[in-house]
Full PDB file with SEQRES, HELIX, SHEET, SSBOND, CRYST1, ORIGX, SCALE, CONECT and MASTER records, all heavy atoms in Angstrom:
SEQRES   1 A   43  VAL GLU GLU ASP ALA PHE TRP PRO ILE VAL ARG THR ALA          
SEQRES   2 A   43  LEU ASP CYS GLY GLY ARG LEU ALA ASP ARG ALA LEU ALA          
SEQRES   3 A   43  ASP HIS VAL GLU ASN ARG ARG LEU MET ARG ALA VAL GLU          
SEQRES   4 A   43  ASP SER GLU ALA                                              
HELIX    1 AA1 GLU A    2  PHE A    6  3                                   5    
HELIX    2 AA2 TRP A    7  ALA A   13  1                                   7    
HELIX    3 AA3 GLY A   17  GLU A   39  1                                  23    
CRYST1    1.000    1.000    1.000  90.00  90.00  90.00 P 1           1          
ORIGX1      1.000000  0.000000  0.000000        0.00000                         
ORIGX2      0.000000  1.000000  0.000000        0.00000                         
ORIGX3      0.000000  0.000000  1.000000        0.00000                         
SCALE1      1.000000  0.000000  0.000000        0.00000                         
SCALE2      0.000000  1.000000  0.000000        0.00000                         
SCALE3      0.000000  0.000000  1.000000        0.00000                         
ATOM      1  N   VAL A   1       0.840  -1.204   0.000  1.00  0.00           N  
ATOM      2  CA  VAL A   1       0.000   0.000   0.000  1.00  0.00           C  
ATOM      3  C   VAL A   1       0.871   1.249   0.000  1.00  0.00           C  
ATOM      4  O   VAL A   1       0.630   2.192  -0.762  1.00  0.00           O  
ATOM      5  CB  VAL A   1      -0.962  -0.002   1.207  1.00  0.00           C  
ATOM      6  CG1 VAL A   1      -1.627   1.352   1.389  1.00  0.00           C  
ATOM      7  CG2 VAL A   1      -1.997  -1.088   1.037  1.00  0.00           C  
ATOM      8  N   GLU A   2       1.892   1.246   0.841  1.00  0.00           N  
ATOM      9  CA  GLU A   2       2.761   2.418   0.879  1.00  0.00           C  
ATOM     10  C   GLU A   2       3.444   2.647  -0.468  1.00  0.00           C  
ATOM     11  O   GLU A   2       3.520   3.780  -0.938  1.00  0.00           O  
ATOM     12  CB  GLU A   2       3.820   2.257   1.976  1.00  0.00           C  
ATOM     13  CG  GLU A   2       3.285   2.481   3.357  1.00  0.00           C  
ATOM     14  CD  GLU A   2       4.374   2.509   4.403  1.00  0.00           C  
ATOM     15  OE1 GLU A   2       5.524   2.080   4.135  1.00  0.00           O  
ATOM     16  OE2 GLU A   2       4.077   2.971   5.508  1.00  0.00           O  
ATOM     17  N   GLU A   3       3.948   1.577  -1.068  1.00  0.00           N  
ATOM     18  CA  GLU A   3       4.666   1.726  -2.333  1.00  0.00           C  
ATOM     19  C   GLU A   3       3.738   2.152  -3.467  1.00  0.00           C  
ATOM     20  O   GLU A   3       4.130   2.941  -4.327  1.00  0.00           O  
ATOM     21  CB  GLU A   3       5.379   0.421  -2.680  1.00  0.00           C  
ATOM     22  CG  GLU A   3       6.548   0.149  -1.746  1.00  0.00           C  
ATOM     23  CD  GLU A   3       7.134  -1.235  -1.885  1.00  0.00           C  
ATOM     24  OE1 GLU A   3       6.718  -2.002  -2.783  1.00  0.00           O  
ATOM     25  OE2 GLU A   3       8.025  -1.562  -1.067  1.00  0.00           O  
ATOM     26  N   ASP A   4       2.513   1.650  -3.455  1.00  0.00           N  
ATOM     27  CA  ASP A   4       1.557   1.992  -4.516  1.00  0.00           C  
ATOM     28  C   ASP A   4       0.948   3.374  -4.355  1.00  0.00           C  
ATOM     29  O   ASP A   4       0.672   4.042  -5.345  1.00  0.00           O  
ATOM     30  CB  ASP A   4       0.414   0.977  -4.559  1.00  0.00           C  
ATOM     31  CG  ASP A   4       0.839  -0.384  -5.050  1.00  0.00           C  
ATOM     32  OD1 ASP A   4       1.957  -0.509  -5.589  1.00  0.00           O  
ATOM     33  OD2 ASP A   4       0.051  -1.334  -4.877  1.00  0.00           O  
ATOM     34  N   ALA A   5       0.718   3.783  -3.105  1.00  0.00           N  
ATOM     35  CA  ALA A   5      -0.083   4.979  -2.913  1.00  0.00           C  
ATOM     36  C   ALA A   5       0.537   6.034  -1.998  1.00  0.00           C  
ATOM     37  O   ALA A   5       0.438   7.221  -2.286  1.00  0.00           O  
ATOM     38  CB  ALA A   5      -1.458   4.574  -2.363  1.00  0.00           C  
ATOM     39  N   PHE A   6       1.141   5.636  -0.895  1.00  0.00           N  
ATOM     40  CA  PHE A   6       1.604   6.616   0.084  1.00  0.00           C  
ATOM     41  C   PHE A   6       2.870   7.329  -0.353  1.00  0.00           C  
ATOM     42  O   PHE A   6       2.932   8.558  -0.357  1.00  0.00           O  
ATOM     43  CB  PHE A   6       1.817   5.939   1.449  1.00  0.00           C  
ATOM     44  CG  PHE A   6       2.292   6.874   2.514  1.00  0.00           C  
ATOM     45  CD1 PHE A   6       1.454   7.853   3.017  1.00  0.00           C  
ATOM     46  CD2 PHE A   6       3.582   6.793   3.010  1.00  0.00           C  
ATOM     47  CE1 PHE A   6       1.886   8.722   4.006  1.00  0.00           C  
ATOM     48  CE2 PHE A   6       4.022   7.650   4.005  1.00  0.00           C  
ATOM     49  CZ  PHE A   6       3.165   8.617   4.500  1.00  0.00           C  
ATOM     50  N   TRP A   7       3.901   6.575  -0.725  1.00  0.00           N  
ATOM     51  CA  TRP A   7       5.174   7.222  -1.060  1.00  0.00           C  
ATOM     52  C   TRP A   7       5.094   8.087  -2.310  1.00  0.00           C  
ATOM     53  O   TRP A   7       5.745   9.132  -2.376  1.00  0.00           O  
ATOM     54  CB  TRP A   7       6.315   6.199  -1.104  1.00  0.00           C  
ATOM     55  CG  TRP A   7       6.548   5.672   0.294  1.00  0.00           C  
ATOM     56  CD1 TRP A   7       6.320   4.399   0.752  1.00  0.00           C  
ATOM     57  CD2 TRP A   7       6.985   6.414   1.434  1.00  0.00           C  
ATOM     58  NE1 TRP A   7       6.589   4.323   2.098  1.00  0.00           N  
ATOM     59  CE2 TRP A   7       7.004   5.546   2.542  1.00  0.00           C  
ATOM     60  CE3 TRP A   7       7.355   7.740   1.632  1.00  0.00           C  
ATOM     61  CZ2 TRP A   7       7.390   5.940   3.821  1.00  0.00           C  
ATOM     62  CZ3 TRP A   7       7.740   8.140   2.908  1.00  0.00           C  
ATOM     63  CH2 TRP A   7       7.757   7.249   3.978  1.00  0.00           C  
ATOM     64  N   PRO A   8       4.277   7.737  -3.306  1.00  0.00           N  
ATOM     65  CA  PRO A   8       4.116   8.685  -4.421  1.00  0.00           C  
ATOM     66  C   PRO A   8       3.538  10.036  -3.970  1.00  0.00           C  
ATOM     67  O   PRO A   8       3.928  11.081  -4.496  1.00  0.00           O  
ATOM     68  CB  PRO A   8       3.164   7.958  -5.377  1.00  0.00           C  
ATOM     69  CG  PRO A   8       3.450   6.507  -5.127  1.00  0.00           C  
ATOM     70  CD  PRO A   8       3.680   6.425  -3.626  1.00  0.00           C  
ATOM     71  N   ILE A   9       2.635  10.010  -2.992  1.00  0.00           N  
ATOM     72  CA  ILE A   9       2.094  11.269  -2.468  1.00  0.00           C  
ATOM     73  C   ILE A   9       3.195  12.046  -1.759  1.00  0.00           C  
ATOM     74  O   ILE A   9       3.334  13.258  -1.932  1.00  0.00           O  
ATOM     75  CB  ILE A   9       0.903  11.002  -1.528  1.00  0.00           C  
ATOM     76  CG1 ILE A   9      -0.291  10.505  -2.335  1.00  0.00           C  
ATOM     77  CG2 ILE A   9       0.542  12.255  -0.731  1.00  0.00           C  
ATOM     78  CD1 ILE A   9      -1.443  10.021  -1.492  1.00  0.00           C  
ATOM     79  N   VAL A  10       3.992  11.344  -0.956  1.00  0.00           N  
ATOM     80  CA  VAL A  10       5.090  12.006  -0.246  1.00  0.00           C  
ATOM     81  C   VAL A  10       6.036  12.663  -1.244  1.00  0.00           C  
ATOM     82  O   VAL A  10       6.469  13.800  -1.057  1.00  0.00           O  
ATOM     83  CB  VAL A  10       5.842  11.006   0.666  1.00  0.00           C  
ATOM     84  CG1 VAL A  10       7.122  11.609   1.228  1.00  0.00           C  
ATOM     85  CG2 VAL A  10       4.927  10.530   1.793  1.00  0.00           C  
ATOM     86  N   ARG A  11       6.361  11.945  -2.317  1.00  0.00           N  
ATOM     87  CA  ARG A  11       7.280  12.483  -3.339  1.00  0.00           C  
ATOM     88  C   ARG A  11       6.803  13.814  -3.900  1.00  0.00           C  
ATOM     89  O   ARG A  11       7.595  14.724  -4.115  1.00  0.00           O  
ATOM     90  CB  ARG A  11       7.437  11.495  -4.496  1.00  0.00           C  
ATOM     91  CG  ARG A  11       8.404  10.407  -4.241  1.00  0.00           C  
ATOM     92  CD  ARG A  11       8.647   9.603  -5.535  1.00  0.00           C  
ATOM     93  NE  ARG A  11       9.349   8.396  -5.222  1.00  0.00           N  
ATOM     94  CZ  ARG A  11      10.649   8.315  -4.960  1.00  0.00           C  
ATOM     95  NH1 ARG A  11      11.376   9.415  -4.988  1.00  0.00           N  
ATOM     96  NH2 ARG A  11      11.218   7.170  -4.676  1.00  0.00           N  
ATOM     97  N   THR A  12       5.512  13.903  -4.165  1.00  0.00           N  
ATOM     98  CA  THR A  12       4.991  15.114  -4.813  1.00  0.00           C  
ATOM     99  C   THR A  12       4.580  16.195  -3.825  1.00  0.00           C  
ATOM    100  O   THR A  12       4.601  17.375  -4.166  1.00  0.00           O  
ATOM    101  CB  THR A  12       3.797  14.789  -5.725  1.00  0.00           C  
ATOM    102  OG1 THR A  12       2.760  14.198  -4.947  1.00  0.00           O  
ATOM    103  CG2 THR A  12       4.206  13.836  -6.844  1.00  0.00           C  
ATOM    104  N   ALA A  13       4.215  15.824  -2.608  1.00  0.00           N  
ATOM    105  CA  ALA A  13       3.688  16.800  -1.657  1.00  0.00           C  
ATOM    106  C   ALA A  13       4.774  17.548  -0.884  1.00  0.00           C  
ATOM    107  O   ALA A  13       4.528  18.650  -0.408  1.00  0.00           O  
ATOM    108  CB  ALA A  13       2.755  16.106  -0.669  1.00  0.00           C  
ATOM    109  N   LEU A  14       5.951  16.954  -0.760  1.00  0.00           N  
ATOM    110  CA  LEU A  14       6.996  17.560   0.057  1.00  0.00           C  
ATOM    111  C   LEU A  14       8.224  17.878  -0.776  1.00  0.00           C  
ATOM    112  O   LEU A  14       8.587  17.108  -1.662  1.00  0.00           O  
ATOM    113  CB  LEU A  14       7.407  16.606   1.190  1.00  0.00           C  
ATOM    114  CG  LEU A  14       6.310  16.172   2.153  1.00  0.00           C  
ATOM    115  CD1 LEU A  14       6.836  15.121   3.118  1.00  0.00           C  
ATOM    116  CD2 LEU A  14       5.765  17.384   2.901  1.00  0.00           C  
ATOM    117  N   ASP A  15       8.862  18.986  -0.472  1.00  0.00           N  
ATOM    118  CA  ASP A  15      10.096  19.345  -1.182  1.00  0.00           C  
ATOM    119  C   ASP A  15      11.158  18.253  -1.030  1.00  0.00           C  
ATOM    120  O   ASP A  15      11.898  17.968  -1.960  1.00  0.00           O  
ATOM    121  CB  ASP A  15      10.650  20.676  -0.679  1.00  0.00           C  
ATOM    122  CG  ASP A  15       9.774  21.852  -1.074  1.00  0.00           C  
ATOM    123  OD1 ASP A  15       9.008  21.719  -2.059  1.00  0.00           O  
ATOM    124  OD2 ASP A  15       9.851  22.894  -0.405  1.00  0.00           O  
ATOM    125  N   CYS A  16      11.233  17.661   0.151  1.00  0.00           N  
ATOM    126  CA  CYS A  16      12.213  16.598   0.403  1.00  0.00           C  
ATOM    127  C   CYS A  16      11.585  15.219   0.236  1.00  0.00           C  
ATOM    128  O   CYS A  16      12.152  14.202   0.675  1.00  0.00           O  
ATOM    129  CB  CYS A  16      12.802  16.742   1.798  1.00  0.00           C  
ATOM    130  SG  CYS A  16      11.559  16.600   3.106  1.00  0.00           S  
ATOM    131  N   GLY A  17      10.428  15.165  -0.404  1.00  0.00           N  
ATOM    132  CA  GLY A  17       9.686  13.911  -0.532  1.00  0.00           C  
ATOM    133  C   GLY A  17      10.441  12.809  -1.250  1.00  0.00           C  
ATOM    134  O   GLY A  17      10.323  11.633  -0.881  1.00  0.00           O  
ATOM    135  N   GLY A  18      11.214  13.169  -2.261  1.00  0.00           N  
ATOM    136  CA  GLY A  18      11.985  12.154  -2.978  1.00  0.00           C  
ATOM    137  C   GLY A  18      12.993  11.478  -2.071  1.00  0.00           C  
ATOM    138  O   GLY A  18      13.130  10.244  -2.081  1.00  0.00           O  
ATOM    139  N   ARG A  19      13.680  12.268  -1.270  1.00  0.00           N  
ATOM    140  CA  ARG A  19      14.668  11.710  -0.334  1.00  0.00           C  
ATOM    141  C   ARG A  19      13.994  10.814   0.690  1.00  0.00           C  
ATOM    142  O   ARG A  19      14.463   9.706   0.986  1.00  0.00           O  
ATOM    143  CB  ARG A  19      15.420  12.843   0.363  1.00  0.00           C  
ATOM    144  CG  ARG A  19      16.470  12.354   1.363  1.00  0.00           C  
ATOM    145  CD  ARG A  19      17.138  13.502   2.106  1.00  0.00           C  
ATOM    146  NE  ARG A  19      16.215  14.394   2.788  1.00  0.00           N  
ATOM    147  CZ  ARG A  19      15.646  14.130   3.977  1.00  0.00           C  
ATOM    148  NH1 ARG A  19      15.901  13.011   4.590  1.00  0.00           N  
ATOM    149  NH2 ARG A  19      14.841  15.012   4.525  1.00  0.00           N  
ATOM    150  N   LEU A  20      12.870  11.270   1.245  1.00  0.00           N  
ATOM    151  CA  LEU A  20      12.151  10.479   2.241  1.00  0.00           C  
ATOM    152  C   LEU A  20      11.631   9.171   1.642  1.00  0.00           C  
ATOM    153  O   LEU A  20      11.760   8.103   2.252  1.00  0.00           O  
ATOM    154  CB  LEU A  20      10.993  11.292   2.829  1.00  0.00           C  
ATOM    155  CG  LEU A  20      11.366  12.529   3.632  1.00  0.00           C  
ATOM    156  CD1 LEU A  20      10.115  13.341   3.973  1.00  0.00           C  
ATOM    157  CD2 LEU A  20      12.140  12.160   4.885  1.00  0.00           C  
ATOM    158  N   ALA A  21      11.047   9.257   0.461  1.00  0.00           N  
ATOM    159  CA  ALA A  21      10.515   8.060  -0.190  1.00  0.00           C  
ATOM    160  C   ALA A  21      11.640   7.087  -0.549  1.00  0.00           C  
ATOM    161  O   ALA A  21      11.489   5.870  -0.372  1.00  0.00           O  
ATOM    162  CB  ALA A  21       9.712   8.438  -1.430  1.00  0.00           C  
ATOM    163  N   ASP A  22      12.761   7.612  -1.035  1.00  0.00           N  
ATOM    164  CA  ASP A  22      13.890   6.735  -1.376  1.00  0.00           C  
ATOM    165  C   ASP A  22      14.389   5.983  -0.145  1.00  0.00           C  
ATOM    166  O   ASP A  22      14.684   4.787  -0.220  1.00  0.00           O  
ATOM    167  CB  ASP A  22      15.032   7.529  -2.007  1.00  0.00           C  
ATOM    168  CG  ASP A  22      14.704   8.015  -3.408  1.00  0.00           C  
ATOM    169  OD1 ASP A  22      13.719   7.529  -4.006  1.00  0.00           O  
ATOM    170  OD2 ASP A  22      15.442   8.910  -3.896  1.00  0.00           O  
ATOM    171  N   ARG A  23      14.470   6.680   0.977  1.00  0.00           N  
ATOM    172  CA  ARG A  23      14.912   6.004   2.206  1.00  0.00           C  
ATOM    173  C   ARG A  23      13.919   4.920   2.606  1.00  0.00           C  
ATOM    174  O   ARG A  23      14.293   3.805   2.959  1.00  0.00           O  
ATOM    175  CB  ARG A  23      15.076   6.999   3.350  1.00  0.00           C  
ATOM    176  CG  ARG A  23      15.413   6.258   4.630  1.00  0.00           C  
ATOM    177  CD  ARG A  23      15.543   7.081   5.837  1.00  0.00           C  
ATOM    178  NE  ARG A  23      15.526   6.194   7.005  1.00  0.00           N  
ATOM    179  CZ  ARG A  23      15.470   6.623   8.225  1.00  0.00           C  
ATOM    180  NH1 ARG A  23      15.470   7.911   8.479  1.00  0.00           N  
ATOM    181  NH2 ARG A  23      15.436   5.766   9.221  1.00  0.00           N  
ATOM    182  N   ALA A  24      12.636   5.250   2.548  1.00  0.00           N  
ATOM    183  CA  ALA A  24      11.605   4.290   2.935  1.00  0.00           C  
ATOM    184  C   ALA A  24      11.632   3.064   2.026  1.00  0.00           C  
ATOM    185  O   ALA A  24      11.514   1.927   2.500  1.00  0.00           O  
ATOM    186  CB  ALA A  24      10.230   4.943   2.889  1.00  0.00           C  
ATOM    187  N   LEU A  25      11.797   3.284   0.734  1.00  0.00           N  
ATOM    188  CA  LEU A  25      11.815   2.156  -0.201  1.00  0.00           C  
ATOM    189  C   LEU A  25      13.066   1.297  -0.003  1.00  0.00           C  
ATOM    190  O   LEU A  25      12.999   0.071  -0.149  1.00  0.00           O  
ATOM    191  CB  LEU A  25      11.687   2.655  -1.635  1.00  0.00           C  
ATOM    192  CG  LEU A  25      10.341   3.363  -1.913  1.00  0.00           C  
ATOM    193  CD1 LEU A  25      10.320   3.930  -3.321  1.00  0.00           C  
ATOM    194  CD2 LEU A  25       9.170   2.430  -1.671  1.00  0.00           C  
ATOM    195  N   ALA A  26      14.172   1.914   0.363  1.00  0.00           N  
ATOM    196  CA  ALA A  26      15.372   1.135   0.700  1.00  0.00           C  
ATOM    197  C   ALA A  26      15.109   0.308   1.963  1.00  0.00           C  
ATOM    198  O   ALA A  26      15.529  -0.858   2.042  1.00  0.00           O  
ATOM    199  CB  ALA A  26      16.572   2.057   0.890  1.00  0.00           C  
ATOM    200  N   ASP A  27      14.414   0.891   2.933  1.00  0.00           N  
ATOM    201  CA  ASP A  27      14.017   0.134   4.127  1.00  0.00           C  
ATOM    202  C   ASP A  27      13.159  -1.062   3.725  1.00  0.00           C  
ATOM    203  O   ASP A  27      13.329  -2.162   4.257  1.00  0.00           O  
ATOM    204  CB  ASP A  27      13.198   1.003   5.089  1.00  0.00           C  
ATOM    205  CG  ASP A  27      14.008   2.033   5.847  1.00  0.00           C  
ATOM    206  OD1 ASP A  27      15.254   2.020   5.754  1.00  0.00           O  
ATOM    207  OD2 ASP A  27      13.380   2.869   6.539  1.00  0.00           O  
ATOM    208  N   HIS A  28      12.233  -0.857   2.809  1.00  0.00           N  
ATOM    209  CA  HIS A  28      11.348  -1.940   2.381  1.00  0.00           C  
ATOM    210  C   HIS A  28      12.148  -3.087   1.767  1.00  0.00           C  
ATOM    211  O   HIS A  28      11.844  -4.254   2.013  1.00  0.00           O  
ATOM    212  CB  HIS A  28      10.318  -1.428   1.374  1.00  0.00           C  
ATOM    213  CG  HIS A  28       9.233  -0.621   1.996  1.00  0.00           C  
ATOM    214  ND1 HIS A  28       8.089  -0.288   1.317  1.00  0.00           N  
ATOM    215  CD2 HIS A  28       9.105  -0.066   3.235  1.00  0.00           C  
ATOM    216  CE1 HIS A  28       7.296   0.427   2.100  1.00  0.00           C  
ATOM    217  NE2 HIS A  28       7.902   0.584   3.274  1.00  0.00           N  
ATOM    218  N   VAL A  29      13.154  -2.756   0.971  1.00  0.00           N  
ATOM    219  CA  VAL A  29      13.988  -3.803   0.360  1.00  0.00           C  
ATOM    220  C   VAL A  29      14.669  -4.621   1.455  1.00  0.00           C  
ATOM    221  O   VAL A  29      14.662  -5.856   1.428  1.00  0.00           O  
ATOM    222  CB  VAL A  29      15.025  -3.188  -0.613  1.00  0.00           C  
ATOM    223  CG1 VAL A  29      16.059  -4.213  -1.039  1.00  0.00           C  
ATOM    224  CG2 VAL A  29      14.321  -2.596  -1.824  1.00  0.00           C  
ATOM    225  N   GLU A  30      15.260  -3.942   2.424  1.00  0.00           N  
ATOM    226  CA  GLU A  30      15.925  -4.637   3.526  1.00  0.00           C  
ATOM    227  C   GLU A  30      14.924  -5.433   4.355  1.00  0.00           C  
ATOM    228  O   GLU A  30      15.194  -6.578   4.752  1.00  0.00           O  
ATOM    229  CB  GLU A  30      16.685  -3.642   4.408  1.00  0.00           C  
ATOM    230  CG  GLU A  30      17.317  -4.267   5.632  1.00  0.00           C  
ATOM    231  CD  GLU A  30      18.358  -5.337   5.346  1.00  0.00           C  
ATOM    232  OE1 GLU A  30      18.789  -5.524   4.194  1.00  0.00           O  
ATOM    233  OE2 GLU A  30      18.767  -6.012   6.315  1.00  0.00           O  
ATOM    234  N   ASN A  31      13.768  -4.867   4.607  1.00  0.00           N  
ATOM    235  CA  ASN A  31      12.761  -5.574   5.393  1.00  0.00           C  
ATOM    236  C   ASN A  31      12.258  -6.823   4.670  1.00  0.00           C  
ATOM    237  O   ASN A  31      12.007  -7.850   5.312  1.00  0.00           O  
ATOM    238  CB  ASN A  31      11.614  -4.637   5.756  1.00  0.00           C  
ATOM    239  CG  ASN A  31      12.043  -3.556   6.720  1.00  0.00           C  
ATOM    240  OD1 ASN A  31      13.111  -3.640   7.336  1.00  0.00           O  
ATOM    241  ND2 ASN A  31      11.241  -2.520   6.850  1.00  0.00           N  
ATOM    242  N   ARG A  32      12.128  -6.753   3.356  1.00  0.00           N  
ATOM    243  CA  ARG A  32      11.733  -7.950   2.602  1.00  0.00           C  
ATOM    244  C   ARG A  32      12.804  -9.038   2.706  1.00  0.00           C  
ATOM    245  O   ARG A  32      12.485 -10.220   2.814  1.00  0.00           O  
ATOM    246  CB  ARG A  32      11.446  -7.604   1.142  1.00  0.00           C  
ATOM    247  CG  ARG A  32      10.037  -7.061   0.939  1.00  0.00           C  
ATOM    248  CD  ARG A  32       9.639  -7.025  -0.526  1.00  0.00           C  
ATOM    249  NE  ARG A  32      10.318  -5.998  -1.271  1.00  0.00           N  
ATOM    250  CZ  ARG A  32       9.955  -4.724  -1.322  1.00  0.00           C  
ATOM    251  NH1 ARG A  32       8.902  -4.319  -0.666  1.00  0.00           N  
ATOM    252  NH2 ARG A  32      10.631  -3.858  -2.038  1.00  0.00           N  
ATOM    253  N   ARG A  33      14.065  -8.641   2.710  1.00  0.00           N  
ATOM    254  CA  ARG A  33      15.147  -9.615   2.871  1.00  0.00           C  
ATOM    255  C   ARG A  33      15.040 -10.291   4.234  1.00  0.00           C  
ATOM    256  O   ARG A  33      15.147 -11.515   4.345  1.00  0.00           O  
ATOM    257  CB  ARG A  33      16.510  -8.930   2.728  1.00  0.00           C  
ATOM    258  CG  ARG A  33      17.690  -9.895   2.782  1.00  0.00           C  
ATOM    259  CD  ARG A  33      19.024  -9.170   2.868  1.00  0.00           C  
ATOM    260  NE  ARG A  33      19.232  -8.498   4.135  1.00  0.00           N  
ATOM    261  CZ  ARG A  33      19.540  -9.113   5.286  1.00  0.00           C  
ATOM    262  NH1 ARG A  33      19.662 -10.413   5.329  1.00  0.00           N  
ATOM    263  NH2 ARG A  33      19.725  -8.409   6.390  1.00  0.00           N  
ATOM    264  N   LEU A  34      14.791  -9.496   5.259  1.00  0.00           N  
ATOM    265  CA  LEU A  34      14.634 -10.047   6.605  1.00  0.00           C  
ATOM    266  C   LEU A  34      13.385 -10.917   6.716  1.00  0.00           C  
ATOM    267  O   LEU A  34      13.394 -11.947   7.404  1.00  0.00           O  
ATOM    268  CB  LEU A  34      14.604  -8.917   7.638  1.00  0.00           C  
ATOM    269  CG  LEU A  34      15.907  -8.124   7.775  1.00  0.00           C  
ATOM    270  CD1 LEU A  34      15.683  -6.868   8.609  1.00  0.00           C  
ATOM    271  CD2 LEU A  34      17.014  -8.994   8.345  1.00  0.00           C  
ATOM    272  N   MET A  35      12.323 -10.522   6.046  1.00  0.00           N  
ATOM    273  CA  MET A  35      11.103 -11.326   6.047  1.00  0.00           C  
ATOM    274  C   MET A  35      11.361 -12.690   5.412  1.00  0.00           C  
ATOM    275  O   MET A  35      10.883 -13.718   5.915  1.00  0.00           O  
ATOM    276  CB  MET A  35       9.973 -10.573   5.322  1.00  0.00           C  
ATOM    277  CG  MET A  35       9.486  -9.360   6.103  1.00  0.00           C  
ATOM    278  SD  MET A  35       8.469  -8.213   5.135  1.00  0.00           S  
ATOM    279  CE  MET A  35       7.051  -9.222   4.761  1.00  0.00           C  
ATOM    280  N   ARG A  36      12.119 -12.706   4.322  1.00  0.00           N  
ATOM    281  CA  ARG A  36      12.467 -13.986   3.683  1.00  0.00           C  
ATOM    282  C   ARG A  36      13.298 -14.853   4.618  1.00  0.00           C  
ATOM    283  O   ARG A  36      13.129 -16.071   4.662  1.00  0.00           O  
ATOM    284  CB  ARG A  36      13.207 -13.761   2.366  1.00  0.00           C  
ATOM    285  CG  ARG A  36      12.281 -13.448   1.203  1.00  0.00           C  
ATOM    286  CD  ARG A  36      12.998 -13.488  -0.139  1.00  0.00           C  
ATOM    287  NE  ARG A  36      14.148 -12.603  -0.226  1.00  0.00           N  
ATOM    288  CZ  ARG A  36      14.102 -11.294  -0.457  1.00  0.00           C  
ATOM    289  NH1 ARG A  36      12.936 -10.708  -0.659  1.00  0.00           N  
ATOM    290  NH2 ARG A  36      15.195 -10.574  -0.530  1.00  0.00           N  
ATOM    291  N   ALA A  37      14.188 -14.223   5.378  1.00  0.00           N  
ATOM    292  CA  ALA A  37      15.008 -14.985   6.331  1.00  0.00           C  
ATOM    293  C   ALA A  37      14.125 -15.638   7.396  1.00  0.00           C  
ATOM    294  O   ALA A  37      14.369 -16.785   7.788  1.00  0.00           O  
ATOM    295  CB  ALA A  37      16.062 -14.078   6.971  1.00  0.00           C  
ATOM    296  N   VAL A  38      13.102 -14.929   7.845  1.00  0.00           N  
ATOM    297  CA  VAL A  38      12.164 -15.515   8.808  1.00  0.00           C  
ATOM    298  C   VAL A  38      11.422 -16.675   8.144  1.00  0.00           C  
ATOM    299  O   VAL A  38      11.317 -17.767   8.709  1.00  0.00           O  
ATOM    300  CB  VAL A  38      11.178 -14.456   9.348  1.00  0.00           C  
ATOM    301  CG1 VAL A  38      10.059 -15.104  10.162  1.00  0.00           C  
ATOM    302  CG2 VAL A  38      11.912 -13.401  10.169  1.00  0.00           C  
ATOM    303  N   GLU A  39      10.914 -16.448   6.943  1.00  0.00           N  
ATOM    304  CA  GLU A  39      10.162 -17.483   6.227  1.00  0.00           C  
ATOM    305  C   GLU A  39      11.000 -18.731   5.971  1.00  0.00           C  
ATOM    306  O   GLU A  39      10.483 -19.852   6.017  1.00  0.00           O  
ATOM    307  CB  GLU A  39       9.669 -16.952   4.878  1.00  0.00           C  
ATOM    308  CG  GLU A  39       8.578 -15.925   4.971  1.00  0.00           C  
ATOM    309  CD  GLU A  39       8.246 -15.327   3.617  1.00  0.00           C  
ATOM    310  OE1 GLU A  39       9.091 -15.358   2.699  1.00  0.00           O  
ATOM    311  OE2 GLU A  39       7.124 -14.821   3.476  1.00  0.00           O  
ATOM    312  N   ASP A  40      12.283 -18.535   5.682  1.00  0.00           N  
ATOM    313  CA  ASP A  40      13.149 -19.643   5.286  1.00  0.00           C  
ATOM    314  C   ASP A  40      13.747 -20.407   6.456  1.00  0.00           C  
ATOM    315  O   ASP A  40      14.453 -21.396   6.240  1.00  0.00           O  
ATOM    316  CB  ASP A  40      14.288 -19.132   4.388  1.00  0.00           C  
ATOM    317  CG  ASP A  40      13.789 -18.633   3.045  1.00  0.00           C  
ATOM    318  OD1 ASP A  40      12.627 -18.929   2.687  1.00  0.00           O  
ATOM    319  OD2 ASP A  40      14.560 -17.922   2.373  1.00  0.00           O  
ATOM    320  N   SER A  41      13.485 -19.973   7.669  1.00  0.00           N  
ATOM    321  CA  SER A  41      14.055 -20.666   8.819  1.00  0.00           C  
ATOM    322  C   SER A  41      12.951 -21.396   9.587  1.00  0.00           C  
ATOM    323  O   SER A  41      11.770 -21.071   9.483  1.00  0.00           O  
ATOM    324  CB  SER A  41      14.813 -19.688   9.712  1.00  0.00           C  
ATOM    325  OG  SER A  41      13.982 -18.624  10.114  1.00  0.00           O  
ATOM    326  N   GLU A  42      13.358 -22.356  10.353  1.00  0.00           N  
ATOM    327  CA  GLU A  42      12.411 -23.178  11.099  1.00  0.00           C  
ATOM    328  C   GLU A  42      12.071 -22.513  12.431  1.00  0.00           C  
ATOM    329  O   GLU A  42      12.972 -22.132  13.193  1.00  0.00           O  
ATOM    330  CB  GLU A  42      13.023 -24.557  11.355  1.00  0.00           C  
ATOM    331  CG  GLU A  42      12.079 -25.514  12.025  1.00  0.00           C  
ATOM    332  CD  GLU A  42      12.687 -26.887  12.193  1.00  0.00           C  
ATOM    333  OE1 GLU A  42      13.581 -27.256  11.403  1.00  0.00           O  
ATOM    334  OE2 GLU A  42      12.270 -27.586  13.121  1.00  0.00           O  
ATOM    335  N   ALA A  43      10.782 -22.385  12.696  1.00  0.00           N  
ATOM    336  CA  ALA A  43      10.349 -21.794  13.968  1.00  0.00           C  
ATOM    337  C   ALA A  43      10.988 -22.554  15.117  1.00  0.00           C  
ATOM    338  O   ALA A  43      11.065 -23.780  15.103  1.00  0.00           O  
ATOM    339  CB  ALA A  43       8.831 -21.832  14.080  1.00  0.00           C  
TER     340      ALA A  43                                                      
MASTER        0    0    0    3    0    0    0    6  339    1    0    4          
END                                                                             
């Protein structure tokens, strides 16, 4: 939801929106990597 709708609004609504959105999207990439690590390991 954030990638489809929220961060595009941030990009256009704020002067520093591109920087903020880029940081958030980099966080998302790292978080997906960590999510895969959880999925791939045994509880």
